[in-house]
């Protein structure tokens, strides 16, 4: 069966993180430019991993705790328990995915010309 309350809680997370992501990537584009060179892509990926990644991880666990009705304290405890393994997984997956995404955009834009 579908857990509609869980679905609603997770959808509400999108309303928090969607705009956050939008403005963060807009900031990175303004800061480092729109170039698709490996140097620019690397700056964006490293900035994302070092600054935004930890913020999103902490925000996710705390926001999830709040929308589940468990309170801020439980969210902070969850961050303490899960931050390091989550951050390691983040580093294992996202840098390669972001580089692939940015470099693929360059190839597509080149082919479209």
PDB file of N, CA and C in Angstrom:
ATOM      1  N   UNK A   1       0.834  -1.189   0.000  1.00  0.00           N
ATOM      2  CA  UNK A   1       0.000   0.000   0.000  1.00  0.00           C
ATOM      3  C   UNK A   1       0.878   1.252   0.000  1.00  0.00           C
ATOM      4  N   UNK A   2       0.303   2.335  -0.418  1.00  0.00           N
ATOM      5  CA  UNK A   2       1.016   3.611  -0.468  1.00  0.00           C
ATOM      6  C   UNK A   2       0.851   4.335   0.851  1.00  0.00           C
ATOM      7  N   UNK A   3       1.942   4.775   1.404  1.00  0.00           N
ATOM      8  CA  UNK A   3       1.925   5.576   2.630  1.00  0.00           C
ATOM      9  C   UNK A   3       1.853   7.044   2.194  1.00  0.00           C
ATOM     10  N   UNK A   4       0.627   7.564   2.133  1.00  0.00           N
ATOM     11  CA  UNK A   4       0.410   8.912   1.618  1.00  0.00           C
ATOM     12  C   UNK A   4       1.028   9.985   2.509  1.00  0.00           C
ATOM     13  N   UNK A   5       1.076   9.775   3.798  1.00  0.00           N
ATOM     14  CA  UNK A   5       1.697  10.766   4.687  1.00  0.00           C
ATOM     15  C   UNK A   5       3.205  10.832   4.438  1.00  0.00           C
ATOM     16  N   UNK A   6       3.820   9.682   4.248  1.00  0.00           N
ATOM     17  CA  UNK A   6       5.252   9.668   3.939  1.00  0.00           C
ATOM     18  C   UNK A   6       5.504  10.355   2.600  1.00  0.00           C
ATOM     19  N   UNK A   7       4.653  10.078   1.620  1.00  0.00           N
ATOM     20  CA  UNK A   7       4.769  10.706   0.308  1.00  0.00           C
ATOM     21  C   UNK A   7       4.647  12.222   0.427  1.00  0.00           C
ATOM     22  N   UNK A   8       3.679  12.678   1.212  1.00  0.00           N
ATOM     23  CA  UNK A   8       3.487  14.115   1.420  1.00  0.00           C
ATOM     24  C   UNK A   8       4.696  14.739   2.120  1.00  0.00           C
ATOM     25  N   UNK A   9       5.222  14.047   3.128  1.00  0.00           N
ATOM     26  CA  UNK A   9       6.410  14.564   3.835  1.00  0.00           C
ATOM     27  C   UNK A   9       7.600  14.692   2.888  1.00  0.00           C
ATOM     28  N   UNK A  10       7.810  13.677   2.069  1.00  0.00           N
ATOM     29  CA  UNK A  10       8.945  13.729   1.145  1.00  0.00           C
ATOM     30  C   UNK A  10       8.730  14.799   0.071  1.00  0.00           C
ATOM     31  N   UNK A  11       7.506  14.966  -0.382  1.00  0.00           N
ATOM     32  CA  UNK A  11       7.218  16.029  -1.359  1.00  0.00           C
ATOM     33  C   UNK A  11       7.489  17.397  -0.753  1.00  0.00           C
ATOM     34  N   UNK A  12       7.163  17.555   0.527  1.00  0.00           N
ATOM     35  CA  UNK A  12       7.406  18.842   1.175  1.00  0.00           C
ATOM     36  C   UNK A  12       8.897  19.140   1.243  1.00  0.00           C
ATOM     37  N   UNK A  13       9.715  18.102   1.296  1.00  0.00           N
ATOM     38  CA  UNK A  13      11.159  18.289   1.289  1.00  0.00           C
ATOM     39  C   UNK A  13      11.602  18.932  -0.033  1.00  0.00           C
ATOM     40  N   UNK A  14      10.944  18.567  -1.110  1.00  0.00           N
ATOM     41  CA  UNK A  14      11.265  19.163  -2.409  1.00  0.00           C
ATOM     42  C   UNK A  14      11.012  20.655  -2.433  1.00  0.00           C
ATOM     43  N   UNK A  15      10.004  21.106  -1.690  1.00  0.00           N
ATOM     44  CA  UNK A  15       9.722  22.532  -1.622  1.00  0.00           C
ATOM     45  C   UNK A  15      10.808  23.285  -0.866  1.00  0.00           C
ATOM     46  N   UNK A  16      11.521  22.589   0.012  1.00  0.00           N
ATOM     47  CA  UNK A  16      12.636  23.197   0.746  1.00  0.00           C
ATOM     48  C   UNK A  16      13.904  23.147  -0.105  1.00  0.00           C
ATOM     49  N   UNK A  17      14.223  21.967  -0.631  1.00  0.00           N
ATOM     50  CA  UNK A  17      15.512  21.780  -1.291  1.00  0.00           C
ATOM     51  C   UNK A  17      15.534  22.207  -2.754  1.00  0.00           C
ATOM     52  N   UNK A  18      14.402  22.221  -3.415  1.00  0.00           N
ATOM     53  CA  UNK A  18      14.371  22.671  -4.809  1.00  0.00           C
ATOM     54  C   UNK A  18      14.875  24.098  -4.961  1.00  0.00           C
ATOM     55  N   UNK A  19      14.253  25.052  -4.272  1.00  0.00           N
ATOM     56  CA  UNK A  19      14.741  26.439  -4.377  1.00  0.00           C
ATOM     57  C   UNK A  19      16.172  26.612  -3.860  1.00  0.00           C
ATOM     58  N   UNK A  20      16.513  25.892  -2.794  1.00  0.00           N
ATOM     59  CA  UNK A  20      17.870  25.972  -2.258  1.00  0.00           C
ATOM     60  C   UNK A  20      18.888  25.578  -3.327  1.00  0.00           C
ATOM     61  N   UNK A  21      18.644  24.470  -3.996  1.00  0.00           N
ATOM     62  CA  UNK A  21      19.540  24.004  -5.057  1.00  0.00           C
ATOM     63  C   UNK A  21      19.593  24.996  -6.214  1.00  0.00           C
ATOM     64  N   UNK A  22      18.440  25.483  -6.614  1.00  0.00           N
ATOM     65  CA  UNK A  22      18.373  26.425  -7.729  1.00  0.00           C
ATOM     66  C   UNK A  22      19.280  27.629  -7.480  1.00  0.00           C
ATOM     67  N   UNK A  23      19.127  28.240  -6.324  1.00  0.00           N
ATOM     68  CA  UNK A  23      19.900  29.449  -6.047  1.00  0.00           C
ATOM     69  C   UNK A  23      21.372  29.150  -5.800  1.00  0.00           C
ATOM     70  N   UNK A  24      21.677  27.993  -5.254  1.00  0.00           N
ATOM     71  CA  UNK A  24      23.075  27.623  -5.076  1.00  0.00           C
ATOM     72  C   UNK A  24      23.777  27.477  -6.432  1.00  0.00           C
ATOM     73  N   UNK A  25      23.162  26.743  -7.359  1.00  0.00           N
ATOM     74  CA  UNK A  25      23.799  26.539  -8.657  1.00  0.00           C
ATOM     75  C   UNK A  25      23.814  27.821  -9.477  1.00  0.00           C
ATOM     76  N   UNK A  26      22.835  28.662  -9.277  1.00  0.00           N
ATOM     77  CA  UNK A  26      22.852  29.988  -9.901  1.00  0.00           C
ATOM     78  C   UNK A  26      24.047  30.783  -9.377  1.00  0.00           C
ATOM     79  N   UNK A  27      24.290  30.746  -8.064  1.00  0.00           N
ATOM     80  CA  UNK A  27      25.425  31.416  -7.446  1.00  0.00           C
ATOM     81  C   UNK A  27      26.744  30.883  -8.015  1.00  0.00           C
ATOM     82  N   UNK A  28      26.867  29.559  -8.112  1.00  0.00           N
ATOM     83  CA  UNK A  28      28.105  28.979  -8.662  1.00  0.00           C
ATOM     84  C   UNK A  28      28.346  29.444 -10.091  1.00  0.00           C
ATOM     85  N   UNK A  29      27.288  29.517 -10.883  1.00  0.00           N
ATOM     86  CA  UNK A  29      27.422  29.994 -12.261  1.00  0.00           C
ATOM     87  C   UNK A  29      27.868  31.444 -12.310  1.00  0.00           C
ATOM     88  N   UNK A  30      27.313  32.265 -11.413  1.00  0.00           N
ATOM     89  CA  UNK A  30      27.701  33.674 -11.371  1.00  0.00           C
ATOM     90  C   UNK A  30      29.136  33.839 -10.865  1.00  0.00           C
ATOM     91  N   UNK A  31      29.529  33.019  -9.918  1.00  0.00           N
ATOM     92  CA  UNK A  31      30.857  33.108  -9.312  1.00  0.00           C
ATOM     93  C   UNK A  31      31.956  32.611 -10.249  1.00  0.00           C
ATOM     94  N   UNK A  32      31.725  31.467 -10.882  1.00  0.00           N
ATOM     95  CA  UNK A  32      32.775  30.829 -11.687  1.00  0.00           C
ATOM     96  C   UNK A  32      32.543  30.920 -13.190  1.00  0.00           C
ATOM     97  N   UNK A  33      31.406  31.428 -13.603  1.00  0.00           N
ATOM     98  CA  UNK A  33      31.107  31.537 -15.021  1.00  0.00           C
ATOM     99  C   UNK A  33      30.427  30.288 -15.558  1.00  0.00           C
ATOM    100  N   UNK A  34      30.027  30.379 -16.805  1.00  0.00           N
ATOM    101  CA  UNK A  34      29.287  29.282 -17.441  1.00  0.00           C
ATOM    102  C   UNK A  34      30.173  28.392 -18.308  1.00  0.00           C
ATOM    103  N   UNK A  35      31.475  28.637 -18.304  1.00  0.00           N
ATOM    104  CA  UNK A  35      32.397  27.838 -19.094  1.00  0.00           C
ATOM    105  C   UNK A  35      32.296  26.365 -18.693  1.00  0.00           C
ATOM    106  N   UNK A  36      32.464  25.501 -19.665  1.00  0.00           N
ATOM    107  CA  UNK A  36      32.407  24.057 -19.407  1.00  0.00           C
ATOM    108  C   UNK A  36      33.802  23.448 -19.404  1.00  0.00           C
ATOM    109  N   UNK A  37      34.835  24.277 -19.218  1.00  0.00           N
ATOM    110  CA  UNK A  37      36.184  23.731 -19.152  1.00  0.00           C
ATOM    111  C   UNK A  37      36.324  22.901 -17.883  1.00  0.00           C
ATOM    112  N   UNK A  38      37.263  21.979 -17.885  1.00  0.00           N
ATOM    113  CA  UNK A  38      37.470  21.124 -16.723  1.00  0.00           C
ATOM    114  C   UNK A  38      37.828  21.958 -15.494  1.00  0.00           C
ATOM    115  N   UNK A  39      38.561  23.027 -15.671  1.00  0.00           N
ATOM    116  CA  UNK A  39      38.948  23.890 -14.546  1.00  0.00           C
ATOM    117  C   UNK A  39      37.715  24.511 -13.882  1.00  0.00           C
ATOM    118  N   UNK A  40      36.813  25.053 -14.689  1.00  0.00           N
ATOM    119  CA  UNK A  40      35.598  25.666 -14.149  1.00  0.00           C
ATOM    120  C   UNK A  40      34.700  24.613 -13.511  1.00  0.00           C
ATOM    121  N   UNK A  41      34.534  23.498 -14.190  1.00  0.00           N
ATOM    122  CA  UNK A  41      33.714  22.416 -13.646  1.00  0.00           C
ATOM    123  C   UNK A  41      34.293  21.943 -12.315  1.00  0.00           C
ATOM    124  N   UNK A  42      35.603  21.794 -12.228  1.00  0.00           N
ATOM    125  CA  UNK A  42      36.251  21.350 -10.986  1.00  0.00           C
ATOM    126  C   UNK A  42      36.002  22.343  -9.856  1.00  0.00           C
ATOM    127  N   UNK A  43      36.089  23.634 -10.149  1.00  0.00           N
ATOM    128  CA  UNK A  43      35.825  24.652  -9.115  1.00  0.00           C
ATOM    129  C   UNK A  43      34.399  24.528  -8.583  1.00  0.00           C
ATOM    130  N   UNK A  44      33.467  24.338  -9.492  1.00  0.00           N
ATOM    131  CA  UNK A  44      32.063  24.221  -9.081  1.00  0.00           C
ATOM    132  C   UNK A  44      31.829  22.955  -8.260  1.00  0.00           C
ATOM    133  N   UNK A  45      32.398  21.842  -8.702  1.00  0.00           N
ATOM    134  CA  UNK A  45      32.205  20.564  -8.008  1.00  0.00           C
ATOM    135  C   UNK A  45      32.839  20.608  -6.617  1.00  0.00           C
ATOM    136  N   UNK A  46      34.061  21.121  -6.513  1.00  0.00           N
ATOM    137  CA  UNK A  46      34.735  21.190  -5.216  1.00  0.00           C
ATOM    138  C   UNK A  46      33.982  22.132  -4.278  1.00  0.00           C
ATOM    139  N   UNK A  47      33.539  23.278  -4.784  1.00  0.00           N
ATOM    140  CA  UNK A  47      32.751  24.200  -3.950  1.00  0.00           C
ATOM    141  C   UNK A  47      31.473  23.540  -3.468  1.00  0.00           C
ATOM    142  N   UNK A  48      30.817  22.829  -4.373  1.00  0.00           N
ATOM    143  CA  UNK A  48      29.581  22.140  -4.023  1.00  0.00           C
ATOM    144  C   UNK A  48      29.825  21.113  -2.933  1.00  0.00           C
ATOM    145  N   UNK A  49      30.858  20.315  -3.094  1.00  0.00           N
ATOM    146  CA  UNK A  49      31.149  19.253  -2.130  1.00  0.00           C
ATOM    147  C   UNK A  49      31.597  19.792  -0.771  1.00  0.00           C
ATOM    148  N   UNK A  50      32.402  20.846  -0.770  1.00  0.00           N
ATOM    149  CA  UNK A  50      32.944  21.353   0.495  1.00  0.00           C
ATOM    150  C   UNK A  50      31.968  22.240   1.266  1.00  0.00           C
ATOM    151  N   UNK A  51      31.151  23.004   0.550  1.00  0.00           N
ATOM    152  CA  UNK A  51      30.295  23.979   1.226  1.00  0.00           C
ATOM    153  C   UNK A  51      28.821  23.594   1.237  1.00  0.00           C
ATOM    154  N   UNK A  52      28.295  23.261   0.070  1.00  0.00           N
ATOM    155  CA  UNK A  52      26.856  23.005  -0.015  1.00  0.00           C
ATOM    156  C   UNK A  52      26.490  21.605   0.451  1.00  0.00           C
ATOM    157  N   UNK A  53      27.338  20.624   0.144  1.00  0.00           N
ATOM    158  CA  UNK A  53      27.072  19.241   0.548  1.00  0.00           C
ATOM    159  C   UNK A  53      26.800  19.096   2.041  1.00  0.00           C
ATOM    160  N   UNK A  54      27.703  19.582   2.892  1.00  0.00           N
ATOM    161  CA  UNK A  54      27.457  19.470   4.335  1.00  0.00           C
ATOM    162  C   UNK A  54      26.181  20.196   4.787  1.00  0.00           C
ATOM    163  N   UNK A  55      25.919  21.352   4.198  1.00  0.00           N
ATOM    164  CA  UNK A  55      24.703  22.096   4.548  1.00  0.00           C
ATOM    165  C   UNK A  55      23.450  21.295   4.192  1.00  0.00           C
ATOM    166  N   UNK A  56      23.447  20.704   3.001  1.00  0.00           N
ATOM    167  CA  UNK A  56      22.286  19.923   2.557  1.00  0.00           C
ATOM    168  C   UNK A  56      22.093  18.682   3.424  1.00  0.00           C
ATOM    169  N   UNK A  57      23.178  18.015   3.761  1.00  0.00           N
ATOM    170  CA  UNK A  57      23.072  16.812   4.594  1.00  0.00           C
ATOM    171  C   UNK A  57      22.437  17.166   5.942  1.00  0.00           C
ATOM    172  N   UNK A  58      22.960  18.187   6.588  1.00  0.00           N
ATOM    173  CA  UNK A  58      22.416  18.593   7.895  1.00  0.00           C
ATOM    174  C   UNK A  58      20.969  19.053   7.757  1.00  0.00           C
ATOM    175  N   UNK A  59      20.707  19.865   6.739  1.00  0.00           N
ATOM    176  CA  UNK A  59      19.339  20.364   6.527  1.00  0.00           C
ATOM    177  C   UNK A  59      18.370  19.227   6.257  1.00  0.00           C
ATOM    178  N   UNK A  60      18.805  18.241   5.489  1.00  0.00           N
ATOM    179  CA  UNK A  60      17.922  17.118   5.168  1.00  0.00           C
ATOM    180  C   UNK A  60      17.502  16.371   6.424  1.00  0.00           C
ATOM    181  N   UNK A  61      18.463  15.975   7.255  1.00  0.00           N
ATOM    182  CA  UNK A  61      18.121  15.193   8.446  1.00  0.00           C
ATOM    183  C   UNK A  61      17.284  15.999   9.438  1.00  0.00           C
ATOM    184  N   UNK A  62      17.592  17.266   9.598  1.00  0.00           N
ATOM    185  CA  UNK A  62      16.812  18.089  10.530  1.00  0.00           C
ATOM    186  C   UNK A  62      15.408  18.337   9.987  1.00  0.00           C
ATOM    187  N   UNK A  63      15.301  18.678   8.698  1.00  0.00           N
ATOM    188  CA  UNK A  63      13.982  18.904   8.103  1.00  0.00           C
ATOM    189  C   UNK A  63      13.142  17.633   8.130  1.00  0.00           C
ATOM    190  N   UNK A  64      13.742  16.488   7.831  1.00  0.00           N
ATOM    191  CA  UNK A  64      13.014  15.215   7.876  1.00  0.00           C
ATOM    192  C   UNK A  64      12.490  14.958   9.282  1.00  0.00           C
ATOM    193  N   UNK A  65      13.310  15.222  10.270  1.00  0.00           N
ATOM    194  CA  UNK A  65      12.881  15.021  11.653  1.00  0.00           C
ATOM    195  C   UNK A  65      11.704  15.928  11.999  1.00  0.00           C
ATOM    196  N   UNK A  66      11.765  17.164  11.544  1.00  0.00           N
ATOM    197  CA  UNK A  66      10.681  18.109  11.848  1.00  0.00           C
ATOM    198  C   UNK A  66       9.377  17.723  11.159  1.00  0.00           C
ATOM    199  N   UNK A  67       9.439  17.361   9.866  1.00  0.00           N
ATOM    200  CA  UNK A  67       8.189  17.018   9.164  1.00  0.00           C
ATOM    201  C   UNK A  67       7.626  15.684   9.646  1.00  0.00           C
ATOM    202  N   UNK A  68       8.459  14.859  10.260  1.00  0.00           N
ATOM    203  CA  UNK A  68       7.975  13.605  10.842  1.00  0.00           C
ATOM    204  C   UNK A  68       7.481  13.799  12.274  1.00  0.00           C
ATOM    205  N   UNK A  69       7.577  15.041  12.781  1.00  0.00           N
ATOM    206  CA  UNK A  69       7.078  15.341  14.116  1.00  0.00           C
ATOM    207  C   UNK A  69       7.989  14.905  15.250  1.00  0.00           C
ATOM    208  N   UNK A  70       9.262  14.639  14.949  1.00  0.00           N
ATOM    209  CA  UNK A  70      10.181  14.166  15.979  1.00  0.00           C
ATOM    210  C   UNK A  70      10.932  15.293  16.678  1.00  0.00           C
ATOM    211  N   UNK A  71      10.941  16.466  16.090  1.00  0.00           N
ATOM    212  CA  UNK A  71      11.564  17.616  16.743  1.00  0.00           C
ATOM    213  C   UNK A  71      13.008  17.858  16.341  1.00  0.00           C
ATOM    214  N   UNK A  72      13.476  19.053  16.667  1.00  0.00           N
ATOM    215  CA  UNK A  72      14.818  19.499  16.311  1.00  0.00           C
ATOM    216  C   UNK A  72      15.900  18.643  16.973  1.00  0.00           C
ATOM    217  N   UNK A  73      15.715  18.305  18.233  1.00  0.00           N
ATOM    218  CA  UNK A  73      16.718  17.521  18.957  1.00  0.00           C
ATOM    219  C   UNK A  73      16.992  16.183  18.292  1.00  0.00           C
ATOM    220  N   UNK A  74      15.927  15.511  17.864  1.00  0.00           N
ATOM    221  CA  UNK A  74      16.105  14.232  17.167  1.00  0.00           C
ATOM    222  C   UNK A  74      16.843  14.430  15.845  1.00  0.00           C
ATOM    223  N   UNK A  75      16.526  15.540  15.164  1.00  0.00           N
ATOM    224  CA  UNK A  75      17.205  15.826  13.903  1.00  0.00           C
ATOM    225  C   UNK A  75      18.694  16.049  14.107  1.00  0.00           C
ATOM    226  N   UNK A  76      19.041  16.796  15.145  1.00  0.00           N
ATOM    227  CA  UNK A  76      20.454  17.039  15.449  1.00  0.00           C
ATOM    228  C   UNK A  76      21.146  15.729  15.808  1.00  0.00           C
ATOM    229  N   UNK A  77      20.475  14.885  16.598  1.00  0.00           N
ATOM    230  CA  UNK A  77      21.050  13.580  16.940  1.00  0.00           C
ATOM    231  C   UNK A  77      21.271  12.735  15.685  1.00  0.00           C
ATOM    232  N   UNK A  78      20.324  12.812  14.765  1.00  0.00           N
ATOM    233  CA  UNK A  78      20.454  12.043  13.520  1.00  0.00           C
ATOM    234  C   UNK A  78      21.634  12.552  12.693  1.00  0.00           C
ATOM    235  N   UNK A  79      21.818  13.869  12.661  1.00  0.00           N
ATOM    236  CA  UNK A  79      22.980  14.436  11.963  1.00  0.00           C
ATOM    237  C   UNK A  79      24.265  13.891  12.588  1.00  0.00           C
ATOM    238  N   UNK A  80      24.329  13.880  13.914  1.00  0.00           N
ATOM    239  CA  UNK A  80      25.532  13.391  14.600  1.00  0.00           C
ATOM    240  C   UNK A  80      25.823  11.928  14.258  1.00  0.00           C
ATOM    241  N   UNK A  81      24.767  11.122  14.144  1.00  0.00           N
ATOM    242  CA  UNK A  81      24.947   9.701  13.850  1.00  0.00           C
ATOM    243  C   UNK A  81      25.258   9.428  12.381  1.00  0.00           C
ATOM    244  N   UNK A  82      24.638  10.192  11.485  1.00  0.00           N
ATOM    245  CA  UNK A  82      24.666   9.828  10.071  1.00  0.00           C
ATOM    246  C   UNK A  82      25.504  10.737   9.173  1.00  0.00           C
ATOM    247  N   UNK A  83      26.003  11.860   9.705  1.00  0.00           N
ATOM    248  CA  UNK A  83      26.687  12.817   8.835  1.00  0.00           C
ATOM    249  C   UNK A  83      27.893  12.203   8.120  1.00  0.00           C
ATOM    250  N   UNK A  84      28.806  11.593   8.865  1.00  0.00           N
ATOM    251  CA  UNK A  84      30.047  11.083   8.261  1.00  0.00           C
ATOM    252  C   UNK A  84      29.764  10.018   7.202  1.00  0.00           C
ATOM    253  N   UNK A  85      28.951   8.983   7.485  1.00  0.00           N
ATOM    254  CA  UNK A  85      28.695   8.005   6.413  1.00  0.00           C
ATOM    255  C   UNK A  85      27.985   8.625   5.205  1.00  0.00           C
ATOM    256  N   UNK A  86      27.083   9.562   5.455  1.00  0.00           N
ATOM    257  CA  UNK A  86      26.373  10.202   4.344  1.00  0.00           C
ATOM    258  C   UNK A  86      27.332  11.055   3.518  1.00  0.00           C
ATOM    259  N   UNK A  87      28.201  11.789   4.192  1.00  0.00           N
ATOM    260  CA  UNK A  87      29.163  12.650   3.487  1.00  0.00           C
ATOM    261  C   UNK A  87      30.153  11.806   2.675  1.00  0.00           C
ATOM    262  N   UNK A  88      30.561  10.669   3.201  1.00  0.00           N
ATOM    263  CA  UNK A  88      31.444   9.761   2.446  1.00  0.00           C
ATOM    264  C   UNK A  88      30.731   9.261   1.182  1.00  0.00           C
ATOM    265  N   UNK A  89      29.472   8.884   1.332  1.00  0.00           N
ATOM    266  CA  UNK A  89      28.696   8.419   0.171  1.00  0.00           C
ATOM    267  C   UNK A  89      28.533   9.557  -0.836  1.00  0.00           C
ATOM    268  N   UNK A  90      28.321  10.769  -0.330  1.00  0.00           N
ATOM    269  CA  UNK A  90      28.190  11.947  -1.188  1.00  0.00           C
ATOM    270  C   UNK A  90      29.443  12.123  -2.043  1.00  0.00           C
ATOM    271  N   UNK A  91      30.617  12.003  -1.424  1.00  0.00           N
ATOM    272  CA  UNK A  91      31.881  12.134  -2.154  1.00  0.00           C
ATOM    273  C   UNK A  91      32.087  10.983  -3.137  1.00  0.00           C
ATOM    274  N   UNK A  92      31.563   9.808  -2.814  1.00  0.00           N
ATOM    275  CA  UNK A  92      31.749   8.648  -3.681  1.00  0.00           C
ATOM    276  C   UNK A  92      30.919   8.742  -4.957  1.00  0.00           C
ATOM    277  N   UNK A  93      29.790   9.446  -4.895  1.00  0.00           N
ATOM    278  CA  UNK A  93      28.858   9.469  -6.019  1.00  0.00           C
ATOM    279  C   UNK A  93      28.844  10.799  -6.770  1.00  0.00           C
ATOM    280  N   UNK A  94      28.665  11.902  -6.068  1.00  0.00           N
ATOM    281  CA  UNK A  94      28.319  13.153  -6.724  1.00  0.00           C
ATOM    282  C   UNK A  94      29.408  13.840  -7.523  1.00  0.00           C
ATOM    283  N   UNK A  95      30.662  13.836  -7.115  1.00  0.00           N
ATOM    284  CA  UNK A  95      31.646  14.507  -7.979  1.00  0.00           C
ATOM    285  C   UNK A  95      31.688  13.928  -9.398  1.00  0.00           C
ATOM    286  N   UNK A  96      31.714  12.616  -9.511  1.00  0.00           N
ATOM    287  CA  UNK A  96      31.747  11.994 -10.841  1.00  0.00           C
ATOM    288  C   UNK A  96      30.467  12.304 -11.614  1.00  0.00           C
ATOM    289  N   UNK A  97      29.327  12.253 -10.926  1.00  0.00           N
ATOM    290  CA  UNK A  97      28.058  12.545 -11.595  1.00  0.00           C
ATOM    291  C   UNK A  97      28.015  13.989 -12.083  1.00  0.00           C
ATOM    292  N   UNK A  98      28.513  14.916 -11.273  1.00  0.00           N
ATOM    293  CA  UNK A  98      28.495  16.321 -11.670  1.00  0.00           C
ATOM    294  C   UNK A  98      29.454  16.596 -12.824  1.00  0.00           C
ATOM    295  N   UNK A  99      30.643  16.017 -12.773  1.00  0.00           N
ATOM    296  CA  UNK A  99      31.595  16.207 -13.872  1.00  0.00           C
ATOM    297  C   UNK A  99      31.009  15.630 -15.149  1.00  0.00           C
ATOM    298  N   UNK A 100      30.440  14.438 -15.067  1.00  0.00           N
ATOM    299  CA  UNK A 100      29.818  13.820 -16.239  1.00  0.00           C
ATOM    300  C   UNK A 100      28.706  14.702 -16.788  1.00  0.00           C
ATOM    301  N   UNK A 101      27.884  15.242 -15.912  1.00  0.00           N
ATOM    302  CA  UNK A 101      26.782  16.109 -16.325  1.00  0.00           C
ATOM    303  C   UNK A 101      27.297  17.355 -17.030  1.00  0.00           C
ATOM    304  N   UNK A 102      28.259  18.019 -16.429  1.00  0.00           N
ATOM    305  CA  UNK A 102      28.777  19.265 -17.014  1.00  0.00           C
ATOM    306  C   UNK A 102      29.496  19.002 -18.334  1.00  0.00           C
ATOM    307  N   UNK A 103      30.282  17.947 -18.405  1.00  0.00           N
ATOM    308  CA  UNK A 103      31.014  17.650 -19.632  1.00  0.00           C
ATOM    309  C   UNK A 103      30.064  17.159 -20.722  1.00  0.00           C
ATOM    310  N   UNK A 104      29.015  16.433 -20.350  1.00  0.00           N
ATOM    311  CA  UNK A 104      28.013  16.001 -21.328  1.00  0.00           C
ATOM    312  C   UNK A 104      27.295  17.193 -21.918  1.00  0.00           C
ATOM    313  N   UNK A 105      27.008  18.189 -21.090  1.00  0.00           N
ATOM    314  CA  UNK A 105      26.371  19.410 -21.596  1.00  0.00           C
ATOM    315  C   UNK A 105      27.259  20.070 -22.637  1.00  0.00           C
ATOM    316  N   UNK A 106      28.570  20.075 -22.405  1.00  0.00           N
ATOM    317  CA  UNK A 106      29.501  20.681 -23.358  1.00  0.00           C
ATOM    318  C   UNK A 106      29.455  19.929 -24.680  1.00  0.00           C
ATOM    319  N   UNK A 107      29.445  18.611 -24.642  1.00  0.00           N
ATOM    320  CA  UNK A 107      29.421  17.809 -25.862  1.00  0.00           C
ATOM    321  C   UNK A 107      28.120  18.052 -26.624  1.00  0.00           C
ATOM    322  N   UNK A 108      27.001  18.068 -25.896  1.00  0.00           N
ATOM    323  CA  UNK A 108      25.696  18.293 -26.535  1.00  0.00           C
ATOM    324  C   UNK A 108      25.641  19.671 -27.183  1.00  0.00           C
ATOM    325  N   UNK A 109      26.128  20.690 -26.462  1.00  0.00           N
ATOM    326  CA  UNK A 109      26.122  22.050 -27.011  1.00  0.00           C
ATOM    327  C   UNK A 109      27.024  22.153 -28.241  1.00  0.00           C
ATOM    328  N   UNK A 110      28.153  21.448 -28.232  1.00  0.00           N
ATOM    329  CA  UNK A 110      29.065  21.466 -29.371  1.00  0.00           C
ATOM    330  C   UNK A 110      28.406  20.799 -30.583  1.00  0.00           C
ATOM    331  N   UNK A 111      27.753  19.661 -30.355  1.00  0.00           N
ATOM    332  CA  UNK A 111      27.089  18.948 -31.443  1.00  0.00           C
ATOM    333  C   UNK A 111      25.911  19.741 -32.005  1.00  0.00           C
ATOM    334  N   UNK A 112      25.267  20.525 -31.153  1.00  0.00           N
ATOM    335  CA  UNK A 112      24.102  21.288 -31.583  1.00  0.00           C
ATOM    336  C   UNK A 112      24.491  22.457 -32.499  1.00  0.00           C
ATOM    337  N   UNK A 113      25.748  22.874 -32.424  1.00  0.00           N
ATOM    338  CA  UNK A 113      26.186  23.986 -33.283  1.00  0.00           C
ATOM    339  C   UNK A 113      26.310  23.489 -34.680  1.00  0.00           C
TER     340      UNK A 113
END
